[in-house]
């Protein structure tokens, strides 16, 4: 009888799975509690993985909070770690290119 092999997709690693889950939460608009409940995920694991991923991955930009100022943006990028980068309508094109290059690195 000839040997037959079944080629399977490699399983997504736990780290990648949590990156995806955290990014999904960031764009869901749900609280962490509701997000975890809806997906049957233990809330403490969500927090533990989010912390672990933040500690091991380099920060590529700094979040700036301009409290008290209404900011408008045309584009929002959500990274796999959950951070959001909001790009305003009047952003300088050269600055925007520099940020994109830094994110690709």
PDB file of N, CA and C in Angstrom:
ATOM      1  N   UNK A   1       0.839  -1.167   0.000  1.00  0.00           N
ATOM      2  CA  UNK A   1       0.000   0.000   0.000  1.00  0.00           C
ATOM      3  C   UNK A   1       0.892   1.241   0.000  1.00  0.00           C
ATOM      4  N   UNK A   2       0.653   2.214  -0.888  1.00  0.00           N
ATOM      5  CA  UNK A   2       1.512   3.394  -0.946  1.00  0.00           C
ATOM      6  C   UNK A   2       1.316   4.284   0.275  1.00  0.00           C
ATOM      7  N   UNK A   3       2.414   4.922   0.640  1.00  0.00           N
ATOM      8  CA  UNK A   3       2.343   5.869   1.753  1.00  0.00           C
ATOM      9  C   UNK A   3       1.602   7.120   1.302  1.00  0.00           C
ATOM     10  N   UNK A   4       0.729   7.577   2.131  1.00  0.00           N
ATOM     11  CA  UNK A   4       0.052   8.834   1.804  1.00  0.00           C
ATOM     12  C   UNK A   4       0.295   9.814   2.940  1.00  0.00           C
ATOM     13  N   UNK A   5       0.546  11.024   2.562  1.00  0.00           N
ATOM     14  CA  UNK A   5       0.779  12.052   3.572  1.00  0.00           C
ATOM     15  C   UNK A   5      -0.278  13.124   3.426  1.00  0.00           C
ATOM     16  N   UNK A   6      -0.696  13.611   4.536  1.00  0.00           N
ATOM     17  CA  UNK A   6      -1.661  14.699   4.550  1.00  0.00           C
ATOM     18  C   UNK A   6      -0.925  15.937   5.011  1.00  0.00           C
ATOM     19  N   UNK A   7      -0.931  16.934   4.175  1.00  0.00           N
ATOM     20  CA  UNK A   7      -0.248  18.170   4.519  1.00  0.00           C
ATOM     21  C   UNK A   7      -1.224  19.069   5.264  1.00  0.00           C
ATOM     22  N   UNK A   8      -0.873  19.395   6.492  1.00  0.00           N
ATOM     23  CA  UNK A   8      -1.734  20.236   7.299  1.00  0.00           C
ATOM     24  C   UNK A   8      -1.122  21.618   7.437  1.00  0.00           C
ATOM     25  N   UNK A   9      -1.993  22.595   7.615  1.00  0.00           N
ATOM     26  CA  UNK A   9      -1.521  23.945   7.894  1.00  0.00           C
ATOM     27  C   UNK A   9      -0.878  23.953   9.271  1.00  0.00           C
ATOM     28  N   UNK A  10       0.234  24.637   9.406  1.00  0.00           N
ATOM     29  CA  UNK A  10       0.821  24.704  10.734  1.00  0.00           C
ATOM     30  C   UNK A  10      -0.116  25.450  11.676  1.00  0.00           C
ATOM     31  N   UNK A  11      -0.209  24.961  12.895  1.00  0.00           N
ATOM     32  CA  UNK A  11      -1.070  25.602  13.886  1.00  0.00           C
ATOM     33  C   UNK A  11      -0.522  26.982  14.236  1.00  0.00           C
ATOM     34  N   UNK A  12      -1.435  27.900  14.429  1.00  0.00           N
ATOM     35  CA  UNK A  12      -1.026  29.244  14.827  1.00  0.00           C
ATOM     36  C   UNK A  12      -0.496  29.161  16.246  1.00  0.00           C
ATOM     37  N   UNK A  13       0.668  29.728  16.467  1.00  0.00           N
ATOM     38  CA  UNK A  13       1.254  29.719  17.794  1.00  0.00           C
ATOM     39  C   UNK A  13       0.399  30.506  18.773  1.00  0.00           C
ATOM     40  N   UNK A  14       0.539  30.173  20.032  1.00  0.00           N
ATOM     41  CA  UNK A  14      -0.239  30.835  21.066  1.00  0.00           C
ATOM     42  C   UNK A  14      -0.002  32.344  21.077  1.00  0.00           C
ATOM     43  N   UNK A  15       1.237  32.745  20.898  1.00  0.00           N
ATOM     44  CA  UNK A  15       1.568  34.168  20.884  1.00  0.00           C
ATOM     45  C   UNK A  15       0.851  34.887  19.734  1.00  0.00           C
ATOM     46  N   UNK A  16       0.867  34.284  18.554  1.00  0.00           N
ATOM     47  CA  UNK A  16       0.184  34.875  17.400  1.00  0.00           C
ATOM     48  C   UNK A  16      -1.330  34.907  17.609  1.00  0.00           C
ATOM     49  N   UNK A  17      -1.837  33.844  18.196  1.00  0.00           N
ATOM     50  CA  UNK A  17      -3.275  33.774  18.464  1.00  0.00           C
ATOM     51  C   UNK A  17      -3.700  34.904  19.409  1.00  0.00           C
ATOM     52  N   UNK A  18      -2.901  35.179  20.433  1.00  0.00           N
ATOM     53  CA  UNK A  18      -3.239  36.249  21.370  1.00  0.00           C
ATOM     54  C   UNK A  18      -3.040  37.620  20.739  1.00  0.00           C
ATOM     55  N   UNK A  19      -2.044  37.769  19.873  1.00  0.00           N
ATOM     56  CA  UNK A  19      -1.883  39.040  19.149  1.00  0.00           C
ATOM     57  C   UNK A  19      -3.146  39.346  18.354  1.00  0.00           C
ATOM     58  N   UNK A  20      -3.621  38.336  17.637  1.00  0.00           N
ATOM     59  CA  UNK A  20      -4.833  38.510  16.838  1.00  0.00           C
ATOM     60  C   UNK A  20      -6.035  38.826  17.711  1.00  0.00           C
ATOM     61  N   UNK A  21      -6.153  38.118  18.819  1.00  0.00           N
ATOM     62  CA  UNK A  21      -7.280  38.320  19.729  1.00  0.00           C
ATOM     63  C   UNK A  21      -7.263  39.738  20.301  1.00  0.00           C
ATOM     64  N   UNK A  22      -6.093  40.216  20.690  1.00  0.00           N
ATOM     65  CA  UNK A  22      -5.973  41.559  21.267  1.00  0.00           C
ATOM     66  C   UNK A  22      -6.274  42.621  20.219  1.00  0.00           C
ATOM     67  N   UNK A  23      -5.815  42.411  19.002  1.00  0.00           N
ATOM     68  CA  UNK A  23      -6.122  43.351  17.917  1.00  0.00           C
ATOM     69  C   UNK A  23      -7.622  43.348  17.614  1.00  0.00           C
ATOM     70  N   UNK A  24      -8.224  42.178  17.662  1.00  0.00           N
ATOM     71  CA  UNK A  24      -9.670  42.084  17.424  1.00  0.00           C
ATOM     72  C   UNK A  24     -10.423  42.864  18.501  1.00  0.00           C
ATOM     73  N   UNK A  25      -9.981  42.734  19.737  1.00  0.00           N
ATOM     74  CA  UNK A  25     -10.632  43.502  20.811  1.00  0.00           C
ATOM     75  C   UNK A  25     -10.504  44.996  20.571  1.00  0.00           C
ATOM     76  N   UNK A  26      -9.319  45.432  20.160  1.00  0.00           N
ATOM     77  CA  UNK A  26      -9.064  46.864  19.964  1.00  0.00           C
ATOM     78  C   UNK A  26     -10.023  47.474  18.951  1.00  0.00           C
ATOM     79  N   UNK A  27     -10.413  46.701  17.967  1.00  0.00           N
ATOM     80  CA  UNK A  27     -11.313  47.237  16.945  1.00  0.00           C
ATOM     81  C   UNK A  27     -12.780  46.879  17.197  1.00  0.00           C
ATOM     82  N   UNK A  28     -13.065  46.160  18.277  1.00  0.00           N
ATOM     83  CA  UNK A  28     -14.426  45.689  18.529  1.00  0.00           C
ATOM     84  C   UNK A  28     -15.333  46.737  19.169  1.00  0.00           C
ATOM     85  N   UNK A  29     -14.746  47.667  19.913  1.00  0.00           N
ATOM     86  CA  UNK A  29     -15.561  48.640  20.629  1.00  0.00           C
ATOM     87  C   UNK A  29     -16.149  48.086  21.920  1.00  0.00           C
ATOM     88  N   UNK A  30     -15.817  46.857  22.267  1.00  0.00           N
ATOM     89  CA  UNK A  30     -16.325  46.225  23.480  1.00  0.00           C
ATOM     90  C   UNK A  30     -15.367  46.440  24.648  1.00  0.00           C
ATOM     91  N   UNK A  31     -15.902  46.332  25.860  1.00  0.00           N
ATOM     92  CA  UNK A  31     -15.028  46.313  27.028  1.00  0.00           C
ATOM     93  C   UNK A  31     -14.293  44.978  27.017  1.00  0.00           C
ATOM     94  N   UNK A  32     -13.193  44.912  27.728  1.00  0.00           N
ATOM     95  CA  UNK A  32     -12.447  43.654  27.807  1.00  0.00           C
ATOM     96  C   UNK A  32     -13.321  42.577  28.430  1.00  0.00           C
ATOM     97  N   UNK A  33     -14.051  42.958  29.458  1.00  0.00           N
ATOM     98  CA  UNK A  33     -14.922  42.001  30.146  1.00  0.00           C
ATOM     99  C   UNK A  33     -15.937  41.394  29.172  1.00  0.00           C
ATOM    100  N   UNK A  34     -16.617  42.226  28.388  1.00  0.00           N
ATOM    101  CA  UNK A  34     -17.626  41.737  27.446  1.00  0.00           C
ATOM    102  C   UNK A  34     -16.993  40.941  26.315  1.00  0.00           C
ATOM    103  N   UNK A  35     -15.862  41.429  25.804  1.00  0.00           N
ATOM    104  CA  UNK A  35     -15.152  40.735  24.730  1.00  0.00           C
ATOM    105  C   UNK A  35     -14.789  39.314  25.158  1.00  0.00           C
ATOM    106  N   UNK A  36     -14.206  39.192  26.342  1.00  0.00           N
ATOM    107  CA  UNK A  36     -13.789  37.879  26.848  1.00  0.00           C
ATOM    108  C   UNK A  36     -14.994  36.974  27.089  1.00  0.00           C
ATOM    109  N   UNK A  37     -16.048  37.532  27.636  1.00  0.00           N
ATOM    110  CA  UNK A  37     -17.264  36.749  27.895  1.00  0.00           C
ATOM    111  C   UNK A  37     -17.847  36.218  26.591  1.00  0.00           C
ATOM    112  N   UNK A  38     -17.933  37.075  25.576  1.00  0.00           N
ATOM    113  CA  UNK A  38     -18.492  36.677  24.283  1.00  0.00           C
ATOM    114  C   UNK A  38     -17.692  35.563  23.618  1.00  0.00           C
ATOM    115  N   UNK A  39     -16.392  35.527  23.857  1.00  0.00           N
ATOM    116  CA  UNK A  39     -15.529  34.551  23.195  1.00  0.00           C
ATOM    117  C   UNK A  39     -15.120  33.384  24.088  1.00  0.00           C
ATOM    118  N   UNK A  40     -15.626  33.382  25.318  1.00  0.00           N
ATOM    119  CA  UNK A  40     -15.302  32.286  26.231  1.00  0.00           C
ATOM    120  C   UNK A  40     -13.848  32.269  26.653  1.00  0.00           C
ATOM    121  N   UNK A  41     -13.265  33.464  26.799  1.00  0.00           N
ATOM    122  CA  UNK A  41     -11.857  33.595  27.172  1.00  0.00           C
ATOM    123  C   UNK A  41     -11.791  34.132  28.603  1.00  0.00           C
ATOM    124  N   UNK A  42     -10.917  33.573  29.408  1.00  0.00           N
ATOM    125  CA  UNK A  42     -10.754  34.059  30.775  1.00  0.00           C
ATOM    126  C   UNK A  42     -10.151  35.465  30.744  1.00  0.00           C
ATOM    127  N   UNK A  43     -10.791  36.378  31.434  1.00  0.00           N
ATOM    128  CA  UNK A  43     -10.368  37.778  31.433  1.00  0.00           C
ATOM    129  C   UNK A  43      -8.931  37.935  31.944  1.00  0.00           C
ATOM    130  N   UNK A  44      -8.570  37.182  32.971  1.00  0.00           N
ATOM    131  CA  UNK A  44      -7.210  37.302  33.513  1.00  0.00           C
ATOM    132  C   UNK A  44      -6.157  36.886  32.482  1.00  0.00           C
ATOM    133  N   UNK A  45      -6.497  35.932  31.616  1.00  0.00           N
ATOM    134  CA  UNK A  45      -5.556  35.531  30.565  1.00  0.00           C
ATOM    135  C   UNK A  45      -5.377  36.641  29.530  1.00  0.00           C
ATOM    136  N   UNK A  46      -6.468  37.331  29.218  1.00  0.00           N
ATOM    137  CA  UNK A  46      -6.387  38.451  28.279  1.00  0.00           C
ATOM    138  C   UNK A  46      -5.397  39.490  28.801  1.00  0.00           C
ATOM    139  N   UNK A  47      -5.560  39.887  30.061  1.00  0.00           N
ATOM    140  CA  UNK A  47      -4.665  40.889  30.648  1.00  0.00           C
ATOM    141  C   UNK A  47      -3.218  40.386  30.714  1.00  0.00           C
ATOM    142  N   UNK A  48      -3.047  39.119  31.083  1.00  0.00           N
ATOM    143  CA  UNK A  48      -1.695  38.562  31.189  1.00  0.00           C
ATOM    144  C   UNK A  48      -1.001  38.548  29.828  1.00  0.00           C
ATOM    145  N   UNK A  49      -1.709  38.125  28.780  1.00  0.00           N
ATOM    146  CA  UNK A  49      -1.114  38.091  27.450  1.00  0.00           C
ATOM    147  C   UNK A  49      -0.863  39.485  26.902  1.00  0.00           C
ATOM    148  N   UNK A  50      -1.777  40.397  27.159  1.00  0.00           N
ATOM    149  CA  UNK A  50      -1.572  41.768  26.689  1.00  0.00           C
ATOM    150  C   UNK A  50      -0.306  42.343  27.315  1.00  0.00           C
ATOM    151  N   UNK A  51      -0.123  42.106  28.608  1.00  0.00           N
ATOM    152  CA  UNK A  51       1.076  42.587  29.291  1.00  0.00           C
ATOM    153  C   UNK A  51       2.333  41.909  28.729  1.00  0.00           C
ATOM    154  N   UNK A  52       2.265  40.600  28.543  1.00  0.00           N
ATOM    155  CA  UNK A  52       3.413  39.845  28.020  1.00  0.00           C
ATOM    156  C   UNK A  52       3.814  40.350  26.635  1.00  0.00           C
ATOM    157  N   UNK A  53       2.833  40.581  25.776  1.00  0.00           N
ATOM    158  CA  UNK A  53       3.134  41.040  24.417  1.00  0.00           C
ATOM    159  C   UNK A  53       3.684  42.455  24.420  1.00  0.00           C
ATOM    160  N   UNK A  54       3.199  43.297  25.295  1.00  0.00           N
ATOM    161  CA  UNK A  54       3.718  44.667  25.382  1.00  0.00           C
ATOM    162  C   UNK A  54       5.167  44.678  25.849  1.00  0.00           C
ATOM    163  N   UNK A  55       5.523  43.760  26.747  1.00  0.00           N
ATOM    164  CA  UNK A  55       6.877  43.717  27.287  1.00  0.00           C
ATOM    165  C   UNK A  55       7.888  43.180  26.284  1.00  0.00           C
ATOM    166  N   UNK A  56       7.449  42.331  25.355  1.00  0.00           N
ATOM    167  CA  UNK A  56       8.402  41.697  24.438  1.00  0.00           C
ATOM    168  C   UNK A  56       8.508  42.385  23.092  1.00  0.00           C
ATOM    169  N   UNK A  57       7.580  43.257  22.784  1.00  0.00           N
ATOM    170  CA  UNK A  57       7.601  43.896  21.476  1.00  0.00           C
ATOM    171  C   UNK A  57       8.030  45.352  21.601  1.00  0.00           C
ATOM    172  N   UNK A  58       8.876  45.801  20.690  1.00  0.00           N
ATOM    173  CA  UNK A  58       9.340  47.181  20.766  1.00  0.00           C
ATOM    174  C   UNK A  58       8.216  48.172  20.489  1.00  0.00           C
ATOM    175  N   UNK A  59       8.271  49.282  21.184  1.00  0.00           N
ATOM    176  CA  UNK A  59       7.312  50.350  20.941  1.00  0.00           C
ATOM    177  C   UNK A  59       7.827  51.143  19.760  1.00  0.00           C
ATOM    178  N   UNK A  60       6.989  51.349  18.777  1.00  0.00           N
ATOM    179  CA  UNK A  60       7.420  52.011  17.565  1.00  0.00           C
ATOM    180  C   UNK A  60       6.946  53.450  17.474  1.00  0.00           C
ATOM    181  N   UNK A  61       6.074  53.853  18.367  1.00  0.00           N
ATOM    182  CA  UNK A  61       5.640  55.239  18.396  1.00  0.00           C
ATOM    183  C   UNK A  61       5.131  55.557  19.794  1.00  0.00           C
ATOM    184  N   UNK A  62       5.061  56.804  20.101  1.00  0.00           N
ATOM    185  CA  UNK A  62       4.582  57.229  21.411  1.00  0.00           C
ATOM    186  C   UNK A  62       3.171  57.777  21.280  1.00  0.00           C
ATOM    187  N   UNK A  63       2.334  57.437  22.236  1.00  0.00           N
ATOM    188  CA  UNK A  63       0.985  57.962  22.254  1.00  0.00           C
ATOM    189  C   UNK A  63       1.010  59.347  22.893  1.00  0.00           C
ATOM    190  N   UNK A  64       0.366  60.284  22.262  1.00  0.00           N
ATOM    191  CA  UNK A  64       0.330  61.652  22.777  1.00  0.00           C
ATOM    192  C   UNK A  64      -1.116  61.990  23.090  1.00  0.00           C
ATOM    193  N   UNK A  65      -1.356  62.391  24.330  1.00  0.00           N
ATOM    194  CA  UNK A  65      -2.696  62.769  24.735  1.00  0.00           C
ATOM    195  C   UNK A  65      -2.744  64.279  24.900  1.00  0.00           C
ATOM    196  N   UNK A  66      -3.587  64.892  24.132  1.00  0.00           N
ATOM    197  CA  UNK A  66      -3.724  66.341  24.223  1.00  0.00           C
ATOM    198  C   UNK A  66      -5.025  66.622  24.953  1.00  0.00           C
ATOM    199  N   UNK A  67      -5.006  66.379  26.263  1.00  0.00           N
ATOM    200  CA  UNK A  67      -6.206  66.506  27.083  1.00  0.00           C
ATOM    201  C   UNK A  67      -6.827  67.887  26.907  1.00  0.00           C
ATOM    202  N   UNK A  68      -8.135  67.889  26.782  1.00  0.00           N
ATOM    203  CA  UNK A  68      -8.852  69.145  26.663  1.00  0.00           C
ATOM    204  C   UNK A  68      -8.970  69.666  25.248  1.00  0.00           C
ATOM    205  N   UNK A  69      -8.307  69.033  24.303  1.00  0.00           N
ATOM    206  CA  UNK A  69      -8.373  69.480  22.914  1.00  0.00           C
ATOM    207  C   UNK A  69      -9.130  68.445  22.090  1.00  0.00           C
ATOM    208  N   UNK A  70     -10.076  68.925  21.332  1.00  0.00           N
ATOM    209  CA  UNK A  70     -10.810  68.015  20.442  1.00  0.00           C
ATOM    210  C   UNK A  70      -9.944  67.756  19.215  1.00  0.00           C
ATOM    211  N   UNK A  71      -9.595  66.508  19.009  1.00  0.00           N
ATOM    212  CA  UNK A  71      -8.779  66.134  17.858  1.00  0.00           C
ATOM    213  C   UNK A  71      -9.642  65.401  16.841  1.00  0.00           C
ATOM    214  N   UNK A  72      -9.419  65.689  15.603  1.00  0.00           N
ATOM    215  CA  UNK A  72     -10.109  64.970  14.545  1.00  0.00           C
ATOM    216  C   UNK A  72      -9.073  64.218  13.735  1.00  0.00           C
ATOM    217  N   UNK A  73      -9.428  63.019  13.294  1.00  0.00           N
ATOM    218  CA  UNK A  73      -8.519  62.236  12.477  1.00  0.00           C
ATOM    219  C   UNK A  73      -9.285  61.606  11.336  1.00  0.00           C
ATOM    220  N   UNK A  74      -8.559  61.350  10.282  1.00  0.00           N
ATOM    221  CA  UNK A  74      -9.147  60.727   9.101  1.00  0.00           C
ATOM    222  C   UNK A  74      -8.852  59.242   9.030  1.00  0.00           C
ATOM    223  N   UNK A  75      -7.801  58.813   9.724  1.00  0.00           N
ATOM    224  CA  UNK A  75      -7.364  57.431   9.621  1.00  0.00           C
ATOM    225  C   UNK A  75      -6.893  56.957  10.973  1.00  0.00           C
ATOM    226  N   UNK A  76      -7.233  55.722  11.310  1.00  0.00           N
ATOM    227  CA  UNK A  76      -6.772  55.133  12.557  1.00  0.00           C
ATOM    228  C   UNK A  76      -6.167  53.776  12.253  1.00  0.00           C
ATOM    229  N   UNK A  77      -4.912  53.578  12.641  1.00  0.00           N
ATOM    230  CA  UNK A  77      -4.244  52.291  12.478  1.00  0.00           C
ATOM    231  C   UNK A  77      -4.241  51.592  13.827  1.00  0.00           C
ATOM    232  N   UNK A  78      -4.653  50.333  13.858  1.00  0.00           N
ATOM    233  CA  UNK A  78      -4.619  49.555  15.088  1.00  0.00           C
ATOM    234  C   UNK A  78      -3.561  48.486  14.914  1.00  0.00           C
ATOM    235  N   UNK A  79      -2.549  48.520  15.783  1.00  0.00           N
ATOM    236  CA  UNK A  79      -1.471  47.539  15.716  1.00  0.00           C
ATOM    237  C   UNK A  79      -1.906  46.243  16.374  1.00  0.00           C
ATOM    238  N   UNK A  80      -1.181  45.176  16.118  1.00  0.00           N
ATOM    239  CA  UNK A  80      -1.526  43.882  16.692  1.00  0.00           C
ATOM    240  C   UNK A  80      -1.503  43.893  18.213  1.00  0.00           C
ATOM    241  N   UNK A  81      -0.729  44.764  18.794  1.00  0.00           N
ATOM    242  CA  UNK A  81      -0.652  44.840  20.246  1.00  0.00           C
ATOM    243  C   UNK A  81      -1.790  45.647  20.844  1.00  0.00           C
ATOM    244  N   UNK A  82      -2.619  46.233  19.988  1.00  0.00           N
ATOM    245  CA  UNK A  82      -3.778  46.970  20.473  1.00  0.00           C
ATOM    246  C   UNK A  82      -3.610  48.476  20.483  1.00  0.00           C
ATOM    247  N   UNK A  83      -2.394  48.969  20.356  1.00  0.00           N
ATOM    248  CA  UNK A  83      -2.203  50.415  20.312  1.00  0.00           C
ATOM    249  C   UNK A  83      -2.827  50.976  19.048  1.00  0.00           C
ATOM    250  N   UNK A  84      -3.290  52.208  19.155  1.00  0.00           N
ATOM    251  CA  UNK A  84      -3.916  52.863  18.010  1.00  0.00           C
ATOM    252  C   UNK A  84      -3.121  54.102  17.643  1.00  0.00           C
ATOM    253  N   UNK A  85      -2.952  54.289  16.371  1.00  0.00           N
ATOM    254  CA  UNK A  85      -2.280  55.469  15.838  1.00  0.00           C
ATOM    255  C   UNK A  85      -3.305  56.219  15.018  1.00  0.00           C
ATOM    256  N   UNK A  86      -3.618  57.429  15.448  1.00  0.00           N
ATOM    257  CA  UNK A  86      -4.623  58.239  14.752  1.00  0.00           C
ATOM    258  C   UNK A  86      -3.920  59.317  13.944  1.00  0.00           C
ATOM    259  N   UNK A  87      -4.272  59.384  12.673  1.00  0.00           N
ATOM    260  CA  UNK A  87      -3.634  60.321  11.751  1.00  0.00           C
ATOM    261  C   UNK A  87      -4.635  61.406  11.402  1.00  0.00           C
ATOM    262  N   UNK A  88      -4.272  62.633  11.736  1.00  0.00           N
ATOM    263  CA  UNK A  88      -5.155  63.764  11.532  1.00  0.00           C
ATOM    264  C   UNK A  88      -5.212  64.218  10.089  1.00  0.00           C
ATOM    265  N   UNK A  89      -6.238  65.001   9.803  1.00  0.00           N
ATOM    266  CA  UNK A  89      -6.471  65.486   8.452  1.00  0.00           C
ATOM    267  C   UNK A  89      -5.335  66.359   7.943  1.00  0.00           C
ATOM    268  N   UNK A  90      -4.681  67.123   8.817  1.00  0.00           N
ATOM    269  CA  UNK A  90      -3.658  68.050   8.372  1.00  0.00           C
ATOM    270  C   UNK A  90      -2.236  67.559   8.550  1.00  0.00           C
ATOM    271  N   UNK A  91      -2.040  66.234   8.644  1.00  0.00           N
ATOM    272  CA  UNK A  91      -0.695  65.715   8.881  1.00  0.00           C
ATOM    273  C   UNK A  91       0.206  65.993   7.676  1.00  0.00           C
ATOM    274  N   UNK A  92       1.448  66.329   7.975  1.00  0.00           N
ATOM    275  CA  UNK A  92       2.454  66.569   6.947  1.00  0.00           C
ATOM    276  C   UNK A  92       2.800  65.245   6.265  1.00  0.00           C
ATOM    277  N   UNK A  93       2.814  65.225   4.946  1.00  0.00           N
ATOM    278  CA  UNK A  93       3.051  63.998   4.186  1.00  0.00           C
ATOM    279  C   UNK A  93       4.411  63.377   4.504  1.00  0.00           C
ATOM    280  N   UNK A  94       5.432  64.187   4.676  1.00  0.00           N
ATOM    281  CA  UNK A  94       6.770  63.662   4.985  1.00  0.00           C
ATOM    282  C   UNK A  94       6.781  62.994   6.356  1.00  0.00           C
ATOM    283  N   UNK A  95       6.108  63.589   7.313  1.00  0.00           N
ATOM    284  CA  UNK A  95       6.023  63.007   8.657  1.00  0.00           C
ATOM    285  C   UNK A  95       5.272  61.681   8.599  1.00  0.00           C
ATOM    286  N   UNK A  96       4.194  61.655   7.843  1.00  0.00           N
ATOM    287  CA  UNK A  96       3.410  60.434   7.708  1.00  0.00           C
ATOM    288  C   UNK A  96       4.241  59.313   7.096  1.00  0.00           C
ATOM    289  N   UNK A  97       5.024  59.627   6.043  1.00  0.00           N
ATOM    290  CA  UNK A  97       5.898  58.631   5.421  1.00  0.00           C
ATOM    291  C   UNK A  97       6.924  58.112   6.425  1.00  0.00           C
ATOM    292  N   UNK A  98       7.481  58.995   7.249  1.00  0.00           N
ATOM    293  CA  UNK A  98       8.466  58.608   8.239  1.00  0.00           C
ATOM    294  C   UNK A  98       7.866  57.639   9.256  1.00  0.00           C
ATOM    295  N   UNK A  99       6.646  57.916   9.694  1.00  0.00           N
ATOM    296  CA  UNK A  99       5.959  57.038  10.652  1.00  0.00           C
ATOM    297  C   UNK A  99       5.703  55.676  10.011  1.00  0.00           C
ATOM    298  N   UNK A 100       5.223  55.644   8.795  1.00  0.00           N
ATOM    299  CA  UNK A 100       4.965  54.382   8.112  1.00  0.00           C
ATOM    300  C   UNK A 100       6.239  53.562   7.957  1.00  0.00           C
ATOM    301  N   UNK A 101       7.331  54.203   7.606  1.00  0.00           N
ATOM    302  CA  UNK A 101       8.610  53.488   7.475  1.00  0.00           C
ATOM    303  C   UNK A 101       9.046  52.903   8.817  1.00  0.00           C
ATOM    304  N   UNK A 102       8.850  53.653   9.890  1.00  0.00           N
ATOM    305  CA  UNK A 102       9.215  53.159  11.221  1.00  0.00           C
ATOM    306  C   UNK A 102       8.371  51.954  11.594  1.00  0.00           C
ATOM    307  N   UNK A 103       7.115  51.954  11.236  1.00  0.00           N
ATOM    308  CA  UNK A 103       6.237  50.832  11.550  1.00  0.00           C
ATOM    309  C   UNK A 103       6.588  49.594  10.740  1.00  0.00           C
ATOM    310  N   UNK A 104       7.090  49.792   9.536  1.00  0.00           N
ATOM    311  CA  UNK A 104       7.465  48.648   8.687  1.00  0.00           C
ATOM    312  C   UNK A 104       8.772  48.011   9.125  1.00  0.00           C
ATOM    313  N   UNK A 105       9.596  48.753   9.819  1.00  0.00           N
ATOM    314  CA  UNK A 105      10.928  48.258  10.229  1.00  0.00           C
ATOM    315  C   UNK A 105      10.830  47.136  11.239  1.00  0.00           C
TER     316      UNK A 105
END
